Amino acid sequence: MPSFSRSLEQALHRALALANERHHEYATLEHLLLALVDDQDAAAVM
């Protein structure tokens, strides 16, 4: 089973939380993008 980096795991959890906060049934790529924008390392790459 592959292991994710800590920052990726945090971003995935944040994406799920963002979807949940908005009462969305599914977490989508848009939620993940929003979560990654909040991550300093990921935002620097974008």
PDB file of N, CA and C in Angstrom:
ATOM      1  N   MET A   1       0.846  -1.181   0.000  1.00  0.00           N
ATOM      2  CA  MET A   1       0.000   0.000   0.000  1.00  0.00           C
ATOM      3  C   MET A   1       0.892   1.246   0.000  1.00  0.00           C
ATOM      4  N   PRO A   2       0.621   2.189  -0.895  1.00  0.00           N
ATOM      5  CA  PRO A   2       1.469   3.387  -0.944  1.00  0.00           C
ATOM      6  C   PRO A   2       1.251   4.274   0.280  1.00  0.00           C
ATOM      7  N   SER A   3       2.306   4.946   0.667  1.00  0.00           N
ATOM      8  CA  SER A   3       2.171   5.891   1.774  1.00  0.00           C
ATOM      9  C   SER A   3       2.280   7.309   1.217  1.00  0.00           C
ATOM     10  N   PHE A   4       1.483   8.197   1.772  1.00  0.00           N
ATOM     11  CA  PHE A   4       1.469   9.589   1.338  1.00  0.00           C
ATOM     12  C   PHE A   4       2.355  10.409   2.262  1.00  0.00           C
ATOM     13  N   SER A   5       2.879  11.498   1.727  1.00  0.00           N
ATOM     14  CA  SER A   5       3.633  12.404   2.585  1.00  0.00           C
ATOM     15  C   SER A   5       2.670  13.041   3.579  1.00  0.00           C
ATOM     16  N   ARG A   6       3.232  13.518   4.654  1.00  0.00           N
ATOM     17  CA  ARG A   6       2.399  14.122   5.702  1.00  0.00           C
ATOM     18  C   ARG A   6       1.616  15.319   5.155  1.00  0.00           C
ATOM     19  N   SER A   7       2.268  16.142   4.339  1.00  0.00           N
ATOM     20  CA  SER A   7       1.592  17.333   3.812  1.00  0.00           C
ATOM     21  C   SER A   7       0.471  16.956   2.849  1.00  0.00           C
ATOM     22  N   LEU A   8       0.671  15.904   2.050  1.00  0.00           N
ATOM     23  CA  LEU A   8      -0.395  15.461   1.151  1.00  0.00           C
ATOM     24  C   LEU A   8      -1.567  14.904   1.948  1.00  0.00           C
ATOM     25  N   GLU A   9      -1.264  14.135   2.972  1.00  0.00           N
ATOM     26  CA  GLU A   9      -2.333  13.586   3.809  1.00  0.00           C
ATOM     27  C   GLU A   9      -3.130  14.712   4.470  1.00  0.00           C
ATOM     28  N   GLN A  10      -2.439  15.741   4.937  1.00  0.00           N
ATOM     29  CA  GLN A  10      -3.123  16.888   5.542  1.00  0.00           C
ATOM     30  C   GLN A  10      -3.988  17.608   4.516  1.00  0.00           C
ATOM     31  N   ALA A  11      -3.495  17.758   3.293  1.00  0.00           N
ATOM     32  CA  ALA A  11      -4.266  18.416   2.237  1.00  0.00           C
ATOM     33  C   ALA A  11      -5.514  17.607   1.893  1.00  0.00           C
ATOM     34  N   LEU A  12      -5.386  16.295   1.850  1.00  0.00           N
ATOM     35  CA  LEU A  12      -6.553  15.449   1.568  1.00  0.00           C
ATOM     36  C   LEU A  12      -7.598  15.568   2.672  1.00  0.00           C
ATOM     37  N   HIS A  13      -7.141  15.573   3.922  1.00  0.00           N
ATOM     38  CA  HIS A  13      -8.078  15.740   5.038  1.00  0.00           C
ATOM     39  C   HIS A  13      -8.739  17.114   4.986  1.00  0.00           C
ATOM     40  N   ARG A  14      -7.964  18.127   4.635  1.00  0.00           N
ATOM     41  CA  ARG A  14      -8.519  19.484   4.522  1.00  0.00           C
ATOM     42  C   ARG A  14      -9.543  19.548   3.393  1.00  0.00           C
ATOM     43  N   ALA A  15      -9.275  18.880   2.278  1.00  0.00           N
ATOM     44  CA  ALA A  15     -10.224  18.849   1.160  1.00  0.00           C
ATOM     45  C   ALA A  15     -11.534  18.204   1.591  1.00  0.00           C
ATOM     46  N   LEU A  16     -11.446  17.119   2.346  1.00  0.00           N
ATOM     47  CA  LEU A  16     -12.658  16.471   2.856  1.00  0.00           C
ATOM     48  C   LEU A  16     -13.408  17.396   3.809  1.00  0.00           C
ATOM     49  N   ALA A  17     -12.669  18.106   4.645  1.00  0.00           N
ATOM     50  CA  ALA A  17     -13.297  19.039   5.578  1.00  0.00           C
ATOM     51  C   ALA A  17     -13.980  20.182   4.830  1.00  0.00           C
ATOM     52  N   LEU A  18     -13.344  20.694   3.787  1.00  0.00           N
ATOM     53  CA  LEU A  18     -13.944  21.774   2.994  1.00  0.00           C
ATOM     54  C   LEU A  18     -15.246  21.316   2.348  1.00  0.00           C
ATOM     55  N   ALA A  19     -15.249  20.113   1.814  1.00  0.00           N
ATOM     56  CA  ALA A  19     -16.471  19.572   1.206  1.00  0.00           C
ATOM     57  C   ALA A  19     -17.556  19.411   2.265  1.00  0.00           C
ATOM     58  N   ASN A  20     -17.171  18.918   3.425  1.00  0.00           N
ATOM     59  CA  ASN A  20     -18.131  18.714   4.511  1.00  0.00           C
ATOM     60  C   ASN A  20     -18.705  20.042   5.005  1.00  0.00           C
ATOM     61  N   GLU A  21     -17.859  21.053   5.145  1.00  0.00           N
ATOM     62  CA  GLU A  21     -18.309  22.376   5.602  1.00  0.00           C
ATOM     63  C   GLU A  21     -19.340  22.981   4.657  1.00  0.00           C
ATOM     64  N   ARG A  22     -19.221  22.646   3.380  1.00  0.00           N
ATOM     65  CA  ARG A  22     -20.132  23.192   2.366  1.00  0.00           C
ATOM     66  C   ARG A  22     -21.318  22.266   2.095  1.00  0.00           C
ATOM     67  N   HIS A  23     -21.424  21.218   2.911  1.00  0.00           N
ATOM     68  CA  HIS A  23     -22.517  20.241   2.782  1.00  0.00           C
ATOM     69  C   HIS A  23     -22.541  19.593   1.402  1.00  0.00           C
ATOM     70  N   HIS A  24     -21.346  19.373   0.832  1.00  0.00           N
ATOM     71  CA  HIS A  24     -21.246  18.687  -0.453  1.00  0.00           C
ATOM     72  C   HIS A  24     -21.179  17.186  -0.210  1.00  0.00           C
ATOM     73  N   GLU A  25     -21.805  16.446  -1.086  1.00  0.00           N
ATOM     74  CA  GLU A  25     -21.852  14.994  -0.929  1.00  0.00           C
ATOM     75  C   GLU A  25     -20.497  14.352  -1.217  1.00  0.00           C
ATOM     76  N   TYR A  26     -19.744  14.936  -2.136  1.00  0.00           N
ATOM     77  CA  TYR A  26     -18.457  14.385  -2.552  1.00  0.00           C
ATOM     78  C   TYR A  26     -17.360  15.438  -2.419  1.00  0.00           C
ATOM     79  N   ALA A  27     -16.159  14.973  -2.128  1.00  0.00           N
ATOM     80  CA  ALA A  27     -14.985  15.836  -2.206  1.00  0.00           C
ATOM     81  C   ALA A  27     -14.439  15.701  -3.628  1.00  0.00           C
ATOM     82  N   THR A  28     -14.239  16.814  -4.289  1.00  0.00           N
ATOM     83  CA  THR A  28     -13.812  16.807  -5.687  1.00  0.00           C
ATOM     84  C   THR A  28     -12.412  17.407  -5.818  1.00  0.00           C
ATOM     85  N   LEU A  29     -11.930  17.442  -7.042  1.00  0.00           N
ATOM     86  CA  LEU A  29     -10.626  18.052  -7.296  1.00  0.00           C
ATOM     87  C   LEU A  29     -10.611  19.526  -6.919  1.00  0.00           C
ATOM     88  N   GLU A  30     -11.754  20.178  -7.033  1.00  0.00           N
ATOM     89  CA  GLU A  30     -11.831  21.590  -6.655  1.00  0.00           C
ATOM     90  C   GLU A  30     -11.570  21.762  -5.160  1.00  0.00           C
ATOM     91  N   HIS A  31     -12.087  20.858  -4.346  1.00  0.00           N
ATOM     92  CA  HIS A  31     -11.829  20.921  -2.905  1.00  0.00           C
ATOM     93  C   HIS A  31     -10.346  20.690  -2.625  1.00  0.00           C
ATOM     94  N   LEU A  32      -9.752  19.751  -3.347  1.00  0.00           N
ATOM     95  CA  LEU A  32      -8.328  19.486  -3.168  1.00  0.00           C
ATOM     96  C   LEU A  32      -7.501  20.697  -3.585  1.00  0.00           C
ATOM     97  N   LEU A  33      -7.880  21.345  -4.673  1.00  0.00           N
ATOM     98  CA  LEU A  33      -7.168  22.545  -5.112  1.00  0.00           C
ATOM     99  C   LEU A  33      -7.256  23.639  -4.055  1.00  0.00           C
ATOM    100  N   LEU A  34      -8.429  23.842  -3.486  1.00  0.00           N
ATOM    101  CA  LEU A  34      -8.576  24.836  -2.419  1.00  0.00           C
ATOM    102  C   LEU A  34      -7.686  24.495  -1.227  1.00  0.00           C
ATOM    103  N   ALA A  35      -7.623  23.227  -0.887  1.00  0.00           N
ATOM    104  CA  ALA A  35      -6.779  22.796   0.230  1.00  0.00           C
ATOM    105  C   ALA A  35      -5.304  23.011  -0.089  1.00  0.00           C
ATOM    106  N   LEU A  36      -4.906  22.730  -1.320  1.00  0.00           N
ATOM    107  CA  LEU A  36      -3.502  22.890  -1.703  1.00  0.00           C
ATOM    108  C   LEU A  36      -3.088  24.353  -1.757  1.00  0.00           C
ATOM    109  N   VAL A  37      -4.002  25.230  -2.098  1.00  0.00           N
ATOM    110  CA  VAL A  37      -3.694  26.666  -2.131  1.00  0.00           C
ATOM    111  C   VAL A  37      -3.325  27.154  -0.731  1.00  0.00           C
ATOM    112  N   ASP A  38      -3.916  26.547   0.298  1.00  0.00           N
ATOM    113  CA  ASP A  38      -3.602  26.917   1.679  1.00  0.00           C
ATOM    114  C   ASP A  38      -2.264  26.354   2.147  1.00  0.00           C
ATOM    115  N   ASP A  39      -1.732  25.373   1.429  1.00  0.00           N
ATOM    116  CA  ASP A  39      -0.448  24.765   1.776  1.00  0.00           C
ATOM    117  C   ASP A  39       0.672  25.601   1.158  1.00  0.00           C
ATOM    118  N   GLN A  40       1.581  26.110   1.974  1.00  0.00           N
ATOM    119  CA  GLN A  40       2.630  27.013   1.488  1.00  0.00           C
ATOM    120  C   GLN A  40       3.520  26.359   0.437  1.00  0.00           C
ATOM    121  N   ASP A  41       3.914  25.119   0.660  1.00  0.00           N
ATOM    122  CA  ASP A  41       4.797  24.436  -0.295  1.00  0.00           C
ATOM    123  C   ASP A  41       4.093  24.203  -1.622  1.00  0.00           C
ATOM    124  N   ALA A  42       2.851  23.746  -1.571  1.00  0.00           N
ATOM    125  CA  ALA A  42       2.097  23.493  -2.803  1.00  0.00           C
ATOM    126  C   ALA A  42       1.795  24.800  -3.527  1.00  0.00           C
ATOM    127  N   ALA A  43       1.446  25.833  -2.774  1.00  0.00           N
ATOM    128  CA  ALA A  43       1.134  27.123  -3.385  1.00  0.00           C
ATOM    129  C   ALA A  43       2.362  27.709  -4.083  1.00  0.00           C
ATOM    130  N   ALA A  44       3.538  27.467  -3.532  1.00  0.00           N
ATOM    131  CA  ALA A  44       4.764  27.974  -4.154  1.00  0.00           C
ATOM    132  C   ALA A  44       5.009  27.313  -5.508  1.00  0.00           C
ATOM    133  N   VAL A  45       4.618  26.065  -5.650  1.00  0.00           N
ATOM    134  CA  VAL A  45       4.795  25.346  -6.910  1.00  0.00           C
ATOM    135  C   VAL A  45       3.778  25.813  -7.943  1.00  0.00           C
ATOM    136  N   MET A  46       2.589  26.162  -7.473  1.00  0.00           N
ATOM    137  CA  MET A  46       1.537  26.612  -8.389  1.00  0.00           C
ATOM    138  C   MET A  46       1.850  28.013  -8.819  1.00  0.00           C
TER     139      MET A  46
END
